[in-house]
Protein backbone atom coordinates (compact mmCIF):
# COMPACT_ATOMS: atom_id res chain seq x y z
CA MET A 1 11.76 -14.76 -8.57
CA ILE A 2 9.91 -11.99 -6.75
CA SER A 3 9.66 -8.69 -8.59
CA SER A 4 12.07 -6.88 -6.33
CA ARG A 5 11.94 -3.38 -7.73
CA THR A 6 9.86 -0.51 -6.52
CA ASP A 7 8.83 0.21 -10.11
CA ASN A 8 5.23 -0.82 -9.46
CA LEU A 9 4.93 1.64 -6.59
CA ASN A 10 6.53 4.40 -8.66
CA ASP A 11 4.14 3.71 -11.56
CA ILE A 12 1.19 3.96 -9.19
CA TYR A 13 2.48 7.24 -7.81
CA ARG A 14 2.94 8.65 -11.31
CA SER A 15 -0.67 7.69 -12.06
CA TYR A 16 -1.71 9.56 -8.94
CA GLU A 17 0.15 12.66 -10.12
CA VAL A 18 -1.59 12.48 -13.52
CA SER A 19 -4.97 12.15 -11.81
CA ARG A 20 -4.24 15.10 -9.56
CA GLU A 21 -3.10 17.27 -12.47
CA SER A 22 -6.16 16.25 -14.49
CA LEU A 23 -8.41 17.50 -11.71
CA LYS A 24 -6.55 20.82 -11.69
CA VAL A 25 -7.20 21.16 -15.43
CA THR A 26 -10.84 20.22 -14.90
CA LYS A 27 -11.19 22.82 -12.15
CA GLU A 28 -9.65 25.53 -14.32
CA ASN A 29 -11.85 24.54 -17.26
CA ALA A 30 -14.93 24.73 -15.04
CA ARG A 31 -13.85 28.14 -13.73
CA GLN A 32 -13.54 29.45 -17.28
CA ASN A 33 -16.73 27.93 -18.68
CA PHE A 34 -19.34 27.86 -15.94
CA ASP A 35 -21.24 30.60 -14.22
CA VAL A 36 -20.29 31.28 -10.60
CA LYS A 37 -23.03 29.14 -9.02
CA VAL A 38 -22.30 26.09 -11.18
CA TYR A 39 -18.56 26.59 -10.77
CA ASN A 40 -18.81 26.75 -6.97
CA GLU A 41 -20.74 23.46 -6.96
CA ALA A 42 -18.28 21.87 -9.39
CA GLU A 43 -15.33 23.11 -7.34
CA LYS A 44 -16.69 21.42 -4.20
CA LEU A 45 -17.15 18.14 -6.09
CA ILE A 46 -13.66 18.35 -7.55
CA GLU A 47 -12.13 19.00 -4.12
CA THR A 48 -14.01 16.00 -2.73
CA SER A 49 -12.74 13.95 -5.66
CA GLU A 50 -9.18 15.08 -4.95
CA LYS A 51 -9.37 13.70 -1.41
CA HIS A 52 -10.96 10.45 -2.56
CA ILE A 53 -8.30 10.00 -5.22
CA GLU A 54 -5.55 10.62 -2.66
CA ASP A 55 -7.06 7.98 -0.37
CA PHE A 56 -7.54 5.55 -3.26
CA TYR A 57 -3.89 5.78 -4.23
CA VAL A 58 -2.73 5.14 -0.66
CA VAL A 59 -4.90 2.00 -0.69
CA PHE A 60 -3.53 1.02 -4.10
CA LEU A 61 0.09 1.50 -2.97
CA TRP A 62 -0.62 -0.56 0.14
CA ALA A 63 -2.18 -3.41 -1.86
CA VAL A 64 0.88 -3.73 -4.09
CA PHE A 65 3.20 -3.48 -1.08
CA GLU A 66 1.27 -6.13 0.88
CA ARG A 67 1.32 -8.53 -2.07
CA HIS A 68 5.08 -8.02 -2.39
CA ILE A 69 5.66 -8.72 1.31
CA ILE A 70 3.57 -11.90 1.19
CA GLN A 71 5.48 -13.11 -1.89
CA TYR A 72 8.75 -12.31 -0.11
CA ILE A 73 7.73 -14.30 2.99
CA ILE A 74 6.54 -17.24 0.86
CA LYS A 75 9.84 -17.24 -1.03
CA LYS A 76 11.76 -17.29 2.27
CA GLY A 77 9.69 -20.34 3.26
CA ASP A 78 11.12 -22.31 0.33
CA LYS A 79 13.53 -23.78 2.90
CA PHE A 80 10.62 -25.93 4.12
CA LYS A 81 10.91 -27.85 0.85
CA GLU A 82 14.32 -29.10 1.98
CA LEU A 83 12.96 -30.94 5.02
CA ARG A 84 13.12 -34.71 5.12
CA PRO A 85 11.22 -36.84 4.53
CA ASP A 86 10.05 -35.27 1.26
CA SER A 87 6.40 -36.07 1.92
CA LEU A 88 6.55 -34.11 5.18
CA ALA A 89 8.32 -31.22 3.47
CA SER A 90 5.63 -31.09 0.83
CA GLU A 91 2.85 -31.00 3.44
CA ILE A 92 4.54 -28.38 5.62
CA TYR A 93 5.38 -26.13 2.68
CA GLY A 94 1.88 -26.48 1.22
CA LYS A 95 0.27 -25.51 4.52
CA TYR A 96 2.69 -22.62 4.97
CA LYS A 97 2.12 -21.29 1.45
CA ARG A 98 -1.68 -21.51 1.77
CA GLU A 99 -1.84 -19.85 5.17
CA VAL A 100 0.85 -17.15 5.11
CA LYS A 101 -1.48 -14.72 3.32
CA TYR A 102 -3.94 -15.03 6.22
CA TRP A 103 -1.49 -14.10 8.95
CA ARG A 104 -2.25 -10.85 10.76
CA PHE A 105 -0.29 -8.42 8.64
CA ASN A 106 1.02 -6.46 11.62
CA ASP A 107 2.56 -9.73 12.84
CA THR A 108 4.16 -10.22 9.44
CA LEU A 109 5.56 -6.69 9.59
CA ASP A 110 6.91 -7.39 13.08
CA LEU A 111 8.92 -10.30 11.66
CA LEU A 112 10.67 -7.83 9.40
CA THR A 113 12.02 -5.77 12.32
CA LYS A 114 14.92 -8.22 12.38
CA ILE A 115 16.18 -6.74 9.10
CA ILE A 116 14.40 -3.36 8.84
CA ASP A 117 14.45 -0.45 11.27
CA LYS A 118 11.56 -0.67 13.73
CA ASN A 119 10.61 2.99 13.16
CA THR A 120 10.15 2.30 9.45
CA ILE A 121 7.98 -0.71 10.26
CA ASP A 122 5.95 1.47 12.67
CA ASP A 123 5.48 3.99 9.86
CA ALA A 124 4.21 1.19 7.63
CA LYS A 125 1.75 0.18 10.35
CA LYS A 126 0.44 3.77 10.39
CA ILE A 127 -0.15 3.51 6.66
CA LYS A 128 -1.95 0.21 7.24
CA ARG A 129 -4.18 1.80 9.91
CA TYR A 130 -5.00 4.62 7.53
CA ARG A 131 -5.63 2.14 4.70
CA ASP A 132 -7.92 0.13 6.97
CA TRP A 133 -9.83 3.26 7.91
CA VAL A 134 -10.22 4.33 4.26
CA VAL A 135 -11.45 0.89 3.22
CA HIS A 136 -13.71 0.20 6.20
CA ARG A 137 -14.47 3.73 7.52
CA SER A 138 -14.58 2.47 11.05
CA GLU A 139 -15.32 5.54 13.13
CA SER A 140 -14.09 3.85 16.28
CA LYS A 141 -10.65 3.48 14.70
CA THR A 142 -10.24 6.90 13.12
CA PRO A 143 -6.55 7.40 12.37
CA SER A 144 -4.63 10.16 14.11
CA GLY A 145 -3.75 11.72 10.76
CA SER A 146 -4.01 11.19 7.06
CA VAL A 147 -1.34 9.59 4.90
CA THR A 148 -0.38 11.12 1.59
CA PRO A 149 0.53 9.02 -1.43
CA ILE A 150 4.06 10.48 -1.49
CA ALA A 151 4.64 9.59 2.17
CA ALA A 152 3.32 6.07 1.55
CA LEU A 153 5.53 5.73 -1.53
CA HIS A 154 8.69 6.67 0.38
CA ILE A 155 8.05 4.40 3.36
CA LEU A 156 6.84 1.36 1.43
CA SER A 157 9.61 1.71 -1.17
CA ALA A 158 12.21 1.89 1.60
CA ILE A 159 10.97 -1.40 3.03
CA ILE A 160 10.92 -3.13 -0.34
CA SER A 161 14.42 -1.83 -1.11
CA ALA A 162 15.69 -3.15 2.22
CA LEU A 163 14.12 -6.55 1.58
CA ASP A 164 15.69 -6.68 -1.87
CA LYS A 165 19.08 -6.68 -0.15
CA ASN A 166 18.18 -9.73 1.96
C-alpha cells in the first residue's frame, strides 16, 4: 500500500524549521562573539545560507511529493494486471510500471485535475517550475516568484490528502 499520509512532508517541514532556528542562533552567537567586521561578513554568509536552505527544502518537499504521485499512479495501474490473456496483462503492466516515472510530470499532474481542483494543480506546477529553476538555475526560465517551504507544504499536502480519498 502507498504511504498515504502527509507525515513525510510534515517531517521535512519540521526539519526546515529546526535548520532556520539554528541559523538564528548561529547569527546571534556570531553577533555576541565576533568583532563588527567579522560579524558583518558572517551575517552575509548566514543570510545566503538561509535562502539556500529554504530552496533546498522546497526541492526536498517536491521530491517526496513527486515520488508519492508516481507510486499513486502506478498503484492505479494495477488494473492492467486484470487484462486477459495473462501474458498480455503482464507485458502491459510491466511496460506501464517501467515508463510511468518518465512521463512529463506536468502531464501526470494534468491527469489529476479529474479529482483535484485545477487551481491547486496549477499551484503545484508553480512549485515544480520553482523547483526546476532551483535545481537547474536556468536563467531563461526564471520563475515569476519564489516558493516558500510552508506554501509548498500546504499545496502538496492538500493534493496528497485529496488523493488519499480516491
